[in-house]
Amino acid sequence: MDNAQHNSDLSAILPGSDGGCGFCHTVMTEEELIRFLRIPEISGAVNHHQVIENLKRKHGLPRIHLCGKTV
């Protein structure tokens, strides 16, 4: 698969820990979502996972259920 075809399968650009940027799949892990939403920069919360839980519970953040667990 060439680079152009690979990039067409990706839809978001995610800041990396090294200061660069990279592509991210439409379905993100919780860690990718935290970086994508820039929660550490914009939230005063100590536990960033609690911010995601709040978004799921109160604002209907879309999620996938696998084996009875929300992922």
PDB file of N, CA and C in Angstrom:
ATOM      1  N   MET A   1       0.862  -1.178   0.000  1.00  0.00           N
ATOM      2  CA  MET A   1       0.000   0.000   0.000  1.00  0.00           C
ATOM      3  C   MET A   1       0.899   1.229   0.000  1.00  0.00           C
ATOM      4  N   ASP A   2       0.658   2.133  -0.938  1.00  0.00           N
ATOM      5  CA  ASP A   2       1.485   3.333  -0.970  1.00  0.00           C
ATOM      6  C   ASP A   2       1.009   4.357   0.064  1.00  0.00           C
ATOM      7  N   ASN A   3       1.824   5.358   0.298  1.00  0.00           N
ATOM      8  CA  ASN A   3       1.557   6.337   1.349  1.00  0.00           C
ATOM      9  C   ASN A   3       0.265   7.115   1.107  1.00  0.00           C
ATOM     10  N   ALA A   4      -0.022   7.491  -0.140  1.00  0.00           N
ATOM     11  CA  ALA A   4      -1.244   8.248  -0.446  1.00  0.00           C
ATOM     12  C   ALA A   4      -2.481   7.417  -0.153  1.00  0.00           C
ATOM     13  N   GLN A   5      -2.448   6.133  -0.507  1.00  0.00           N
ATOM     14  CA  GLN A   5      -3.593   5.267  -0.233  1.00  0.00           C
ATOM     15  C   GLN A   5      -3.756   5.080   1.273  1.00  0.00           C
ATOM     16  N   HIS A   6      -2.657   4.903   1.980  1.00  0.00           N
ATOM     17  CA  HIS A   6      -2.705   4.732   3.434  1.00  0.00           C
ATOM     18  C   HIS A   6      -3.299   5.983   4.096  1.00  0.00           C
ATOM     19  N   ASN A   7      -2.899   7.163   3.657  1.00  0.00           N
ATOM     20  CA  ASN A   7      -3.399   8.405   4.251  1.00  0.00           C
ATOM     21  C   ASN A   7      -4.873   8.627   3.971  1.00  0.00           C
ATOM     22  N   SER A   8      -5.411   8.080   2.871  1.00  0.00           N
ATOM     23  CA  SER A   8      -6.829   8.269   2.575  1.00  0.00           C
ATOM     24  C   SER A   8      -7.706   7.476   3.538  1.00  0.00           C
ATOM     25  N   ASP A   9      -7.150   6.465   4.202  1.00  0.00           N
ATOM     26  CA  ASP A   9      -7.896   5.681   5.180  1.00  0.00           C
ATOM     27  C   ASP A   9      -7.936   6.366   6.541  1.00  0.00           C
ATOM     28  N   LEU A  10      -7.211   7.437   6.701  1.00  0.00           N
ATOM     29  CA  LEU A  10      -7.109   8.131   7.982  1.00  0.00           C
ATOM     30  C   LEU A  10      -7.782   9.487   7.866  1.00  0.00           C
ATOM     31  N   SER A  11      -8.384   9.952   8.966  1.00  0.00           N
ATOM     32  CA  SER A  11      -9.143  11.177   8.828  1.00  0.00           C
ATOM     33  C   SER A  11      -8.804  12.258   9.846  1.00  0.00           C
ATOM     34  N   ALA A  12      -7.911  12.019  10.759  1.00  0.00           N
ATOM     35  CA  ALA A  12      -7.587  13.025  11.761  1.00  0.00           C
ATOM     36  C   ALA A  12      -6.075  13.149  11.890  1.00  0.00           C
ATOM     37  N   ILE A  13      -5.628  14.329  12.233  1.00  0.00           N
ATOM     38  CA  ILE A  13      -4.205  14.552  12.495  1.00  0.00           C
ATOM     39  C   ILE A  13      -4.057  14.732  13.990  1.00  0.00           C
ATOM     40  N   LEU A  14      -3.142  13.985  14.566  1.00  0.00           N
ATOM     41  CA  LEU A  14      -2.983  13.934  16.012  1.00  0.00           C
ATOM     42  C   LEU A  14      -1.603  14.445  16.399  1.00  0.00           C
ATOM     43  N   PRO A  15      -1.527  15.374  17.371  1.00  0.00           N
ATOM     44  CA  PRO A  15      -0.209  15.828  17.814  1.00  0.00           C
ATOM     45  C   PRO A  15       0.523  14.697  18.529  1.00  0.00           C
ATOM     46  N   GLY A  16       1.792  14.547  18.239  1.00  0.00           N
ATOM     47  CA  GLY A  16       2.581  13.498  18.859  1.00  0.00           C
ATOM     48  C   GLY A  16       3.319  13.993  20.085  1.00  0.00           C
ATOM     49  N   SER A  17       3.802  13.069  20.882  1.00  0.00           N
ATOM     50  CA  SER A  17       4.535  13.430  22.092  1.00  0.00           C
ATOM     51  C   SER A  17       5.896  14.054  21.773  1.00  0.00           C
ATOM     52  N   ASP A  18       6.367  13.832  20.531  1.00  0.00           N
ATOM     53  CA  ASP A  18       7.660  14.383  20.126  1.00  0.00           C
ATOM     54  C   ASP A  18       7.547  15.792  19.542  1.00  0.00           C
ATOM     55  N   GLY A  19       6.336  16.373  19.562  1.00  0.00           N
ATOM     56  CA  GLY A  19       6.134  17.711  19.027  1.00  0.00           C
ATOM     57  C   GLY A  19       5.693  17.724  17.583  1.00  0.00           C
ATOM     58  N   GLY A  20       5.763  16.561  16.908  1.00  0.00           N
ATOM     59  CA  GLY A  20       5.316  16.470  15.524  1.00  0.00           C
ATOM     60  C   GLY A  20       3.840  16.117  15.451  1.00  0.00           C
ATOM     61  N   CYS A  21       3.386  15.834  14.256  1.00  0.00           N
ATOM     62  CA  CYS A  21       2.000  15.440  14.042  1.00  0.00           C
ATOM     63  C   CYS A  21       1.974  14.146  13.252  1.00  0.00           C
ATOM     64  N   GLY A  22       0.878  13.398  13.401  1.00  0.00           N
ATOM     65  CA  GLY A  22       0.718  12.164  12.649  1.00  0.00           C
ATOM     66  C   GLY A  22      -0.749  11.894  12.414  1.00  0.00           C
ATOM     67  N   PHE A  23      -1.022  10.974  11.500  1.00  0.00           N
ATOM     68  CA  PHE A  23      -2.394  10.627  11.187  1.00  0.00           C
ATOM     69  C   PHE A  23      -2.968   9.677  12.219  1.00  0.00           C
ATOM     70  N   CYS A  24      -4.271   9.732  12.390  1.00  0.00           N
ATOM     71  CA  CYS A  24      -4.967   8.886  13.355  1.00  0.00           C
ATOM     72  C   CYS A  24      -6.231   8.342  12.709  1.00  0.00           C
ATOM     73  N   HIS A  25      -6.587   7.117  13.018  1.00  0.00           N
ATOM     74  CA  HIS A  25      -7.797   6.504  12.489  1.00  0.00           C
ATOM     75  C   HIS A  25      -9.037   7.197  13.044  1.00  0.00           C
ATOM     76  N   THR A  26     -10.158   7.042  12.352  1.00  0.00           N
ATOM     77  CA  THR A  26     -11.413   7.625  12.801  1.00  0.00           C
ATOM     78  C   THR A  26     -11.807   7.068  14.157  1.00  0.00           C
ATOM     79  N   VAL A  27     -11.611   5.771  14.363  1.00  0.00           N
ATOM     80  CA  VAL A  27     -11.863   5.160  15.668  1.00  0.00           C
ATOM     81  C   VAL A  27     -10.587   5.316  16.474  1.00  0.00           C
ATOM     82  N   MET A  28     -10.694   5.977  17.623  1.00  0.00           N
ATOM     83  CA  MET A  28      -9.523   6.281  18.433  1.00  0.00           C
ATOM     84  C   MET A  28      -9.559   5.543  19.754  1.00  0.00           C
ATOM     85  N   THR A  29      -8.390   5.285  20.284  1.00  0.00           N
ATOM     86  CA  THR A  29      -8.305   4.789  21.649  1.00  0.00           C
ATOM     87  C   THR A  29      -8.566   5.972  22.578  1.00  0.00           C
ATOM     88  N   GLU A  30      -8.764   5.682  23.848  1.00  0.00           N
ATOM     89  CA  GLU A  30      -9.004   6.761  24.808  1.00  0.00           C
ATOM     90  C   GLU A  30      -7.793   7.693  24.893  1.00  0.00           C
ATOM     91  N   GLU A  31      -6.600   7.139  24.849  1.00  0.00           N
ATOM     92  CA  GLU A  31      -5.388   7.965  24.899  1.00  0.00           C
ATOM     93  C   GLU A  31      -5.301   8.883  23.676  1.00  0.00           C
ATOM     94  N   GLU A  32      -5.635   8.356  22.486  1.00  0.00           N
ATOM     95  CA  GLU A  32      -5.623   9.174  21.280  1.00  0.00           C
ATOM     96  C   GLU A  32      -6.672  10.285  21.375  1.00  0.00           C
ATOM     97  N   LEU A  33      -7.838   9.960  21.910  1.00  0.00           N
ATOM     98  CA  LEU A  33      -8.906  10.948  22.065  1.00  0.00           C
ATOM     99  C   LEU A  33      -8.485  12.064  23.027  1.00  0.00           C
ATOM    100  N   ILE A  34      -7.826  11.697  24.108  1.00  0.00           N
ATOM    101  CA  ILE A  34      -7.337  12.694  25.073  1.00  0.00           C
ATOM    102  C   ILE A  34      -6.366  13.659  24.390  1.00  0.00           C
ATOM    103  N   ARG A  35      -5.463  13.126  23.562  1.00  0.00           N
ATOM    104  CA  ARG A  35      -4.527  13.990  22.834  1.00  0.00           C
ATOM    105  C   ARG A  35      -5.238  14.806  21.768  1.00  0.00           C
ATOM    106  N   PHE A  36      -6.168  14.172  21.027  1.00  0.00           N
ATOM    107  CA  PHE A  36      -6.885  14.848  19.948  1.00  0.00           C
ATOM    108  C   PHE A  36      -7.707  16.017  20.481  1.00  0.00           C
ATOM    109  N   LEU A  37      -8.394  15.822  21.602  1.00  0.00           N
ATOM    110  CA  LEU A  37      -9.203  16.884  22.203  1.00  0.00           C
ATOM    111  C   LEU A  37      -8.369  17.865  23.023  1.00  0.00           C
ATOM    112  N   ARG A  38      -7.070  17.583  23.159  1.00  0.00           N
ATOM    113  CA  ARG A  38      -6.131  18.415  23.917  1.00  0.00           C
ATOM    114  C   ARG A  38      -6.597  18.631  25.354  1.00  0.00           C
ATOM    115  N   ILE A  39      -7.099  17.592  25.951  1.00  0.00           N
ATOM    116  CA  ILE A  39      -7.626  17.675  27.312  1.00  0.00           C
ATOM    117  C   ILE A  39      -6.569  18.143  28.309  1.00  0.00           C
ATOM    118  N   PRO A  40      -5.318  17.671  28.247  1.00  0.00           N
ATOM    119  CA  PRO A  40      -4.321  18.168  29.214  1.00  0.00           C
ATOM    120  C   PRO A  40      -4.097  19.681  29.117  1.00  0.00           C
ATOM    121  N   GLU A  41      -4.228  20.238  27.912  1.00  0.00           N
ATOM    122  CA  GLU A  41      -3.995  21.670  27.733  1.00  0.00           C
ATOM    123  C   GLU A  41      -5.194  22.517  28.140  1.00  0.00           C
ATOM    124  N   ILE A  42      -6.423  22.004  27.963  1.00  0.00           N
ATOM    125  CA  ILE A  42      -7.599  22.846  28.184  1.00  0.00           C
ATOM    126  C   ILE A  42      -8.377  22.513  29.448  1.00  0.00           C
ATOM    127  N   SER A  43      -8.072  21.396  30.086  1.00  0.00           N
ATOM    128  CA  SER A  43      -8.821  20.997  31.273  1.00  0.00           C
ATOM    129  C   SER A  43      -7.941  21.094  32.510  1.00  0.00           C
ATOM    130  N   GLY A  44      -8.536  21.482  33.596  1.00  0.00           N
ATOM    131  CA  GLY A  44      -7.823  21.528  34.862  1.00  0.00           C
ATOM    132  C   GLY A  44      -7.904  20.208  35.611  1.00  0.00           C
ATOM    133  N   ALA A  45      -8.538  19.208  35.002  1.00  0.00           N
ATOM    134  CA  ALA A  45      -8.721  17.915  35.656  1.00  0.00           C
ATOM    135  C   ALA A  45      -7.385  17.196  35.816  1.00  0.00           C
ATOM    136  N   VAL A  46      -7.222  16.554  36.967  1.00  0.00           N
ATOM    137  CA  VAL A  46      -6.018  15.765  37.224  1.00  0.00           C
ATOM    138  C   VAL A  46      -6.097  14.439  36.468  1.00  0.00           C
ATOM    139  N   ASN A  47      -7.286  13.838  36.463  1.00  0.00           N
ATOM    140  CA  ASN A  47      -7.496  12.553  35.804  1.00  0.00           C
ATOM    141  C   ASN A  47      -8.201  12.795  34.472  1.00  0.00           C
ATOM    142  N   HIS A  48      -7.457  12.699  33.378  1.00  0.00           N
ATOM    143  CA  HIS A  48      -8.014  12.962  32.058  1.00  0.00           C
ATOM    144  C   HIS A  48      -9.041  11.913  31.650  1.00  0.00           C
ATOM    145  N   HIS A  49      -8.932  10.712  32.185  1.00  0.00           N
ATOM    146  CA  HIS A  49      -9.893   9.656  31.859  1.00  0.00           C
ATOM    147  C   HIS A  49     -11.273   9.995  32.425  1.00  0.00           C
ATOM    148  N   GLN A  50     -11.316  10.722  33.530  1.00  0.00           N
ATOM    149  CA  GLN A  50     -12.598  11.140  34.104  1.00  0.00           C
ATOM    150  C   GLN A  50     -13.293  12.148  33.185  1.00  0.00           C
ATOM    151  N   VAL A  51     -12.520  12.969  32.497  1.00  0.00           N
ATOM    152  CA  VAL A  51     -13.096  13.912  31.537  1.00  0.00           C
ATOM    153  C   VAL A  51     -13.786  13.137  30.417  1.00  0.00           C
ATOM    154  N   ILE A  52     -13.140  12.086  29.925  1.00  0.00           N
ATOM    155  CA  ILE A  52     -13.728  11.252  28.873  1.00  0.00           C
ATOM    156  C   ILE A  52     -14.981  10.558  29.391  1.00  0.00           C
ATOM    157  N   GLU A  53     -14.936  10.035  30.610  1.00  0.00           N
ATOM    158  CA  GLU A  53     -16.120   9.393  31.200  1.00  0.00           C
ATOM    159  C   GLU A  53     -17.276  10.381  31.286  1.00  0.00           C
ATOM    160  N   ASN A  54     -16.987  11.615  31.654  1.00  0.00           N
ATOM    161  CA  ASN A  54     -18.021  12.645  31.722  1.00  0.00           C
ATOM    162  C   ASN A  54     -18.608  12.914  30.334  1.00  0.00           C
ATOM    163  N   LEU A  55     -17.765  12.980  29.322  1.00  0.00           N
ATOM    164  CA  LEU A  55     -18.254  13.189  27.958  1.00  0.00           C
ATOM    165  C   LEU A  55     -19.142  12.035  27.505  1.00  0.00           C
ATOM    166  N   LYS A  56     -18.772  10.814  27.866  1.00  0.00           N
ATOM    167  CA  LYS A  56     -19.592   9.643  27.517  1.00  0.00           C
ATOM    168  C   LYS A  56     -20.944   9.706  28.207  1.00  0.00           C
ATOM    169  N   ARG A  57     -20.922   9.974  29.491  1.00  0.00           N
ATOM    170  CA  ARG A  57     -22.124   9.913  30.317  1.00  0.00           C
ATOM    171  C   ARG A  57     -23.075  11.084  30.058  1.00  0.00           C
ATOM    172  N   LYS A  58     -22.557  12.294  30.031  1.00  0.00           N
ATOM    173  CA  LYS A  58     -23.426  13.466  29.979  1.00  0.00           C
ATOM    174  C   LYS A  58     -23.630  14.051  28.588  1.00  0.00           C
ATOM    175  N   HIS A  59     -22.723  13.755  27.675  1.00  0.00           N
ATOM    176  CA  HIS A  59     -22.795  14.400  26.365  1.00  0.00           C
ATOM    177  C   HIS A  59     -22.891  13.409  25.207  1.00  0.00           C
ATOM    178  N   GLY A  60     -23.072  12.127  25.519  1.00  0.00           N
ATOM    179  CA  GLY A  60     -23.295  11.133  24.476  1.00  0.00           C
ATOM    180  C   GLY A  60     -22.127  10.901  23.543  1.00  0.00           C
ATOM    181  N   LEU A  61     -20.913  10.999  24.057  1.00  0.00           N
ATOM    182  CA  LEU A  61     -19.741  10.725  23.235  1.00  0.00           C
ATOM    183  C   LEU A  61     -19.875   9.332  22.628  1.00  0.00           C
ATOM    184  N   PRO A  62     -19.810   9.210  21.304  1.00  0.00           N
ATOM    185  CA  PRO A  62     -19.953   7.883  20.684  1.00  0.00           C
ATOM    186  C   PRO A  62     -18.856   6.941  21.146  1.00  0.00           C
ATOM    187  N   ARG A  63     -19.213   5.682  21.337  1.00  0.00           N
ATOM    188  CA  ARG A  63     -18.244   4.670  21.777  1.00  0.00           C
ATOM    189  C   ARG A  63     -18.666   3.309  21.269  1.00  0.00           C
ATOM    190  N   ILE A  64     -17.749   2.378  21.349  1.00  0.00           N
ATOM    191  CA  ILE A  64     -17.978   1.011  20.893  1.00  0.00           C
ATOM    192  C   ILE A  64     -17.978   0.082  22.100  1.00  0.00           C
ATOM    193  N   HIS A  65     -18.895  -0.859  22.105  1.00  0.00           N
ATOM    194  CA  HIS A  65     -18.940  -1.866  23.171  1.00  0.00           C
ATOM    195  C   HIS A  65     -18.412  -3.184  22.621  1.00  0.00           C
ATOM    196  N   LEU A  66     -17.401  -3.748  23.267  1.00  0.00           N
ATOM    197  CA  LEU A  66     -16.838  -5.046  22.905  1.00  0.00           C
ATOM    198  C   LEU A  66     -16.850  -5.940  24.137  1.00  0.00           C
ATOM    199  N   CYS A  67     -17.418  -7.119  24.001  1.00  0.00           N
ATOM    200  CA  CYS A  67     -17.465  -8.094  25.102  1.00  0.00           C
ATOM    201  C   CYS A  67     -18.064  -7.477  26.369  1.00  0.00           C
ATOM    202  N   GLY A  68     -19.091  -6.669  26.211  1.00  0.00           N
ATOM    203  CA  GLY A  68     -19.760  -6.089  27.361  1.00  0.00           C
ATOM    204  C   GLY A  68     -19.028  -4.924  28.000  1.00  0.00           C
ATOM    205  N   LYS A  69     -17.915  -4.493  27.428  1.00  0.00           N
ATOM    206  CA  LYS A  69     -17.143  -3.370  27.960  1.00  0.00           C
ATOM    207  C   LYS A  69     -17.147  -2.235  26.956  1.00  0.00           C
ATOM    208  N   THR A  70     -17.241  -1.032  27.448  1.00  0.00           N
ATOM    209  CA  THR A  70     -17.133   0.138  26.585  1.00  0.00           C
ATOM    210  C   THR A  70     -15.665   0.382  26.279  1.00  0.00           C
ATOM    211  N   VAL A  71     -15.363   0.534  25.009  1.00  0.00           N
ATOM    212  CA  VAL A  71     -13.978   0.820  24.618  1.00  0.00           C
ATOM    213  C   VAL A  71     -13.920   2.102  23.836  1.00  0.00           C
TER     214      VAL A  71
END
